[in-house]
Amino acid sequence: MTRRARARSKPRILIVDDEDVARHSLAMLLRLEGFHVVEARDGIEGIMKARRESPDAVLMDIAMPIMDGFQAAEIIRQTSDVPVIACTAAVRSDLEFQDVFASVIEKPFSAEQVIQQLSSVMSGTG
């Protein structure tokens, strides 16, 4: 668990996904697991909320309008050490992801996969 997460009672997770149903479903799952959740609908909103909310981790969709997940993750990483996890159905080569993302979760994913990846990256073992 990161220092920020230990300082708060609940780890704060930012979900960035342009699909309302996917974002809300993931948010509900994480809230049930005891996380504080912040949501964003696109990469630009995600960057702004990452700066304002100081999340412990970011779950980032890749294919989004306005700014894709790769661009948004790069900008977030330039200003913060927060781990960004790609959540995508369009998996490319591992090399493309490893330079930008702390981890990748392929859609569709299970609740257990999401919780395991979050725990792993927030503890520094991911």
C-alpha atoms as a PDB file:
ATOM      1  CA  MET A   1       0.000   0.000   0.000  1.00  0.00           C
ATOM      2  CA  THR A   2       1.325   3.433  -0.868  1.00  0.00           C
ATOM      3  CA  ARG A   3       2.116   6.102   1.695  1.00  0.00           C
ATOM      4  CA  ARG A   4      -0.869   8.119   0.518  1.00  0.00           C
ATOM      5  CA  ALA A   5      -3.214   5.141   0.957  1.00  0.00           C
ATOM      6  CA  ARG A   6      -1.931   4.520   4.495  1.00  0.00           C
ATOM      7  CA  ALA A   7      -2.512   8.161   5.402  1.00  0.00           C
ATOM      8  CA  ARG A   8      -6.186   7.869   4.364  1.00  0.00           C
ATOM      9  CA  SER A   9      -8.678   5.332   5.597  1.00  0.00           C
ATOM     10  CA  LYS A  10      -9.481   4.167   2.041  1.00  0.00           C
ATOM     11  CA  PRO A  11      -7.190   3.968  -0.977  1.00  0.00           C
ATOM     12  CA  ARG A  12      -8.304   6.430  -3.681  1.00  0.00           C
ATOM     13  CA  ILE A  13      -8.681   5.011  -7.194  1.00  0.00           C
ATOM     14  CA  LEU A  14      -9.262   7.087 -10.320  1.00  0.00           C
ATOM     15  CA  ILE A  15     -11.185   5.312 -13.091  1.00  0.00           C
ATOM     16  CA  VAL A  16     -10.837   6.871 -16.550  1.00  0.00           C
ATOM     17  CA  ASP A  17     -13.216   5.348 -19.120  1.00  0.00           C
ATOM     18  CA  ASP A  18     -15.508   6.934 -21.698  1.00  0.00           C
ATOM     19  CA  GLU A  19     -18.060   4.106 -21.447  1.00  0.00           C
ATOM     20  CA  ASP A  20     -20.482   5.050 -18.679  1.00  0.00           C
ATOM     21  CA  VAL A  21     -21.651   1.490 -17.945  1.00  0.00           C
ATOM     22  CA  ALA A  22     -18.102   0.129 -17.734  1.00  0.00           C
ATOM     23  CA  ARG A  23     -16.913   3.020 -15.550  1.00  0.00           C
ATOM     24  CA  HIS A  24     -19.901   2.904 -13.199  1.00  0.00           C
ATOM     25  CA  SER A  25     -19.739  -0.898 -12.878  1.00  0.00           C
ATOM     26  CA  LEU A  26     -16.060  -0.798 -12.003  1.00  0.00           C
ATOM     27  CA  ALA A  27     -16.644   2.062  -9.566  1.00  0.00           C
ATOM     28  CA  MET A  28     -19.406   0.132  -7.807  1.00  0.00           C
ATOM     29  CA  LEU A  29     -17.195  -2.958  -7.533  1.00  0.00           C
ATOM     30  CA  LEU A  30     -14.334  -0.958  -6.031  1.00  0.00           C
ATOM     31  CA  ARG A  31     -16.590   0.889  -3.598  1.00  0.00           C
ATOM     32  CA  LEU A  32     -17.930  -2.463  -2.373  1.00  0.00           C
ATOM     33  CA  GLU A  33     -14.311  -3.517  -1.821  1.00  0.00           C
ATOM     34  CA  GLY A  34     -13.683  -0.448   0.351  1.00  0.00           C
ATOM     35  CA  PHE A  35     -11.972   1.899  -2.100  1.00  0.00           C
ATOM     36  CA  HIS A  36     -12.711   5.612  -2.497  1.00  0.00           C
ATOM     37  CA  VAL A  37     -13.445   6.066  -6.208  1.00  0.00           C
ATOM     38  CA  VAL A  38     -13.103   9.103  -8.467  1.00  0.00           C
ATOM     39  CA  GLU A  39     -14.389   8.902 -12.041  1.00  0.00           C
ATOM     40  CA  ALA A  40     -13.400  10.623 -15.291  1.00  0.00           C
ATOM     41  CA  ARG A  41     -14.924  10.309 -18.775  1.00  0.00           C
ATOM     42  CA  ASP A  42     -11.865  10.972 -20.934  1.00  0.00           C
ATOM     43  CA  GLY A  43      -8.122  11.459 -20.827  1.00  0.00           C
ATOM     44  CA  ILE A  44      -8.201  15.210 -20.278  1.00  0.00           C
ATOM     45  CA  GLU A  45     -10.665  14.957 -17.389  1.00  0.00           C
ATOM     46  CA  GLY A  46      -8.541  12.086 -16.045  1.00  0.00           C
ATOM     47  CA  ILE A  47      -5.406  14.241 -16.025  1.00  0.00           C
ATOM     48  CA  MET A  48      -7.202  17.066 -14.232  1.00  0.00           C
ATOM     49  CA  LYS A  49      -8.672  14.718 -11.615  1.00  0.00           C
ATOM     50  CA  ALA A  50      -5.342  12.927 -11.137  1.00  0.00           C
ATOM     51  CA  ARG A  51      -3.732  16.261 -10.288  1.00  0.00           C
ATOM     52  CA  ARG A  52      -6.570  17.414  -8.030  1.00  0.00           C
ATOM     53  CA  GLU A  53      -7.433  14.132  -6.266  1.00  0.00           C
ATOM     54  CA  SER A  54      -3.959  12.556  -5.817  1.00  0.00           C
ATOM     55  CA  PRO A  55      -5.154   8.983  -6.371  1.00  0.00           C
ATOM     56  CA  ASP A  56      -3.216   5.958  -5.152  1.00  0.00           C
ATOM     57  CA  ALA A  57      -3.728   4.275  -8.552  1.00  0.00           C
ATOM     58  CA  VAL A  58      -5.405   4.960 -11.892  1.00  0.00           C
ATOM     59  CA  LEU A  59      -7.382   2.470 -13.980  1.00  0.00           C
ATOM     60  CA  MET A  60      -7.173   3.827 -17.543  1.00  0.00           C
ATOM     61  CA  ASP A  61      -9.104   2.771 -20.629  1.00  0.00           C
ATOM     62  CA  ILE A  62      -7.049   3.042 -23.817  1.00  0.00           C
ATOM     63  CA  ALA A  63      -9.525   3.810 -26.613  1.00  0.00           C
ATOM     64  CA  MET A  64     -11.210   7.093 -25.685  1.00  0.00           C
ATOM     65  CA  PRO A  65     -12.198  10.227 -27.598  1.00  0.00           C
ATOM     66  CA  ILE A  66     -10.397  13.547 -27.193  1.00  0.00           C
ATOM     67  CA  MET A  67      -7.253  11.962 -25.684  1.00  0.00           C
ATOM     68  CA  ASP A  68      -6.459   8.265 -25.562  1.00  0.00           C
ATOM     69  CA  GLY A  69      -5.200   6.379 -22.526  1.00  0.00           C
ATOM     70  CA  PHE A  70      -1.586   6.279 -23.712  1.00  0.00           C
ATOM     71  CA  GLN A  71      -1.400  10.071 -24.005  1.00  0.00           C
ATOM     72  CA  ALA A  72      -3.192  10.659 -20.698  1.00  0.00           C
ATOM     73  CA  ALA A  73      -1.020   8.130 -18.846  1.00  0.00           C
ATOM     74  CA  GLU A  74       2.162   9.731 -20.199  1.00  0.00           C
ATOM     75  CA  ILE A  75       1.087  13.155 -18.924  1.00  0.00           C
ATOM     76  CA  ILE A  76       0.018  11.789 -15.520  1.00  0.00           C
ATOM     77  CA  ARG A  77       3.370  10.012 -15.171  1.00  0.00           C
ATOM     78  CA  GLN A  78       5.276  13.232 -15.956  1.00  0.00           C
ATOM     79  CA  THR A  79       3.783  14.961 -12.932  1.00  0.00           C
ATOM     80  CA  SER A  80       3.190  12.110 -10.480  1.00  0.00           C
ATOM     81  CA  ASP A  81       4.477   8.721  -9.368  1.00  0.00           C
ATOM     82  CA  VAL A  82       0.957   7.265  -9.257  1.00  0.00           C
ATOM     83  CA  PRO A  83       0.765   3.833 -10.932  1.00  0.00           C
ATOM     84  CA  VAL A  84      -1.465   3.742 -14.010  1.00  0.00           C
ATOM     85  CA  ILE A  85      -3.038   0.421 -14.992  1.00  0.00           C
ATOM     86  CA  ALA A  86      -4.309   0.005 -18.557  1.00  0.00           C
ATOM     87  CA  CYS A  87      -7.789  -1.541 -18.809  1.00  0.00           C
ATOM     88  CA  THR A  88      -8.366  -2.478 -22.409  1.00  0.00           C
ATOM     89  CA  ALA A  89      -9.813  -4.990 -24.841  1.00  0.00           C
ATOM     90  CA  ALA A  90      -7.312  -3.892 -27.493  1.00  0.00           C
ATOM     91  CA  VAL A  91      -4.135  -5.436 -26.136  1.00  0.00           C
ATOM     92  CA  ARG A  92      -1.089  -4.593 -28.172  1.00  0.00           C
ATOM     93  CA  SER A  93       2.405  -5.869 -27.631  1.00  0.00           C
ATOM     94  CA  ASP A  94       3.638  -5.955 -24.042  1.00  0.00           C
ATOM     95  CA  LEU A  95       6.495  -3.654 -25.015  1.00  0.00           C
ATOM     96  CA  GLU A  96       4.092  -0.868 -25.976  1.00  0.00           C
ATOM     97  CA  PHE A  97       2.432  -1.045 -22.571  1.00  0.00           C
ATOM     98  CA  GLN A  98       5.421  -1.565 -20.289  1.00  0.00           C
ATOM     99  CA  ASP A  99       6.930   1.848 -21.013  1.00  0.00           C
ATOM    100  CA  VAL A 100       3.744   3.666 -20.013  1.00  0.00           C
ATOM    101  CA  PHE A 101       1.701   1.489 -17.669  1.00  0.00           C
ATOM    102  CA  ALA A 102       2.451  -0.224 -14.362  1.00  0.00           C
ATOM    103  CA  SER A 103       0.242  -3.131 -15.422  1.00  0.00           C
ATOM    104  CA  VAL A 104      -2.392  -4.175 -17.977  1.00  0.00           C
ATOM    105  CA  ILE A 105      -5.788  -5.728 -17.356  1.00  0.00           C
ATOM    106  CA  GLU A 106      -7.529  -7.186 -20.406  1.00  0.00           C
ATOM    107  CA  LYS A 107     -11.265  -6.609 -20.836  1.00  0.00           C
ATOM    108  CA  PRO A 108     -13.422  -8.405 -19.964  1.00  0.00           C
ATOM    109  CA  PHE A 109     -11.879  -8.832 -16.529  1.00  0.00           C
ATOM    110  CA  SER A 110     -13.025 -10.286 -13.243  1.00  0.00           C
ATOM    111  CA  ALA A 111     -13.365  -8.478  -9.944  1.00  0.00           C
ATOM    112  CA  GLU A 112     -10.544 -10.624  -8.581  1.00  0.00           C
ATOM    113  CA  GLN A 113      -8.197  -9.547 -11.392  1.00  0.00           C
ATOM    114  CA  VAL A 114      -8.855  -5.870 -10.741  1.00  0.00           C
ATOM    115  CA  ILE A 115      -8.386  -6.145  -6.970  1.00  0.00           C
ATOM    116  CA  GLN A 116      -5.240  -8.263  -7.384  1.00  0.00           C
ATOM    117  CA  GLN A 117      -3.665  -5.821  -9.871  1.00  0.00           C
ATOM    118  CA  LEU A 118      -4.512  -2.795  -7.716  1.00  0.00           C
ATOM    119  CA  SER A 119      -3.066  -4.448  -4.628  1.00  0.00           C
ATOM    120  CA  SER A 120       0.038  -5.436  -6.540  1.00  0.00           C
ATOM    121  CA  VAL A 121       0.809  -2.020  -8.030  1.00  0.00           C
ATOM    122  CA  MET A 122      -0.017  -0.123  -4.837  1.00  0.00           C
ATOM    123  CA  SER A 123       2.279  -2.361  -2.800  1.00  0.00           C
ATOM    124  CA  GLY A 124       5.052  -1.927  -5.368  1.00  0.00           C
ATOM    125  CA  THR A 125       5.137  -5.595  -6.411  1.00  0.00           C
ATOM    126  CA  GLY A 126       3.273  -5.096  -9.726  1.00  0.00           C
END
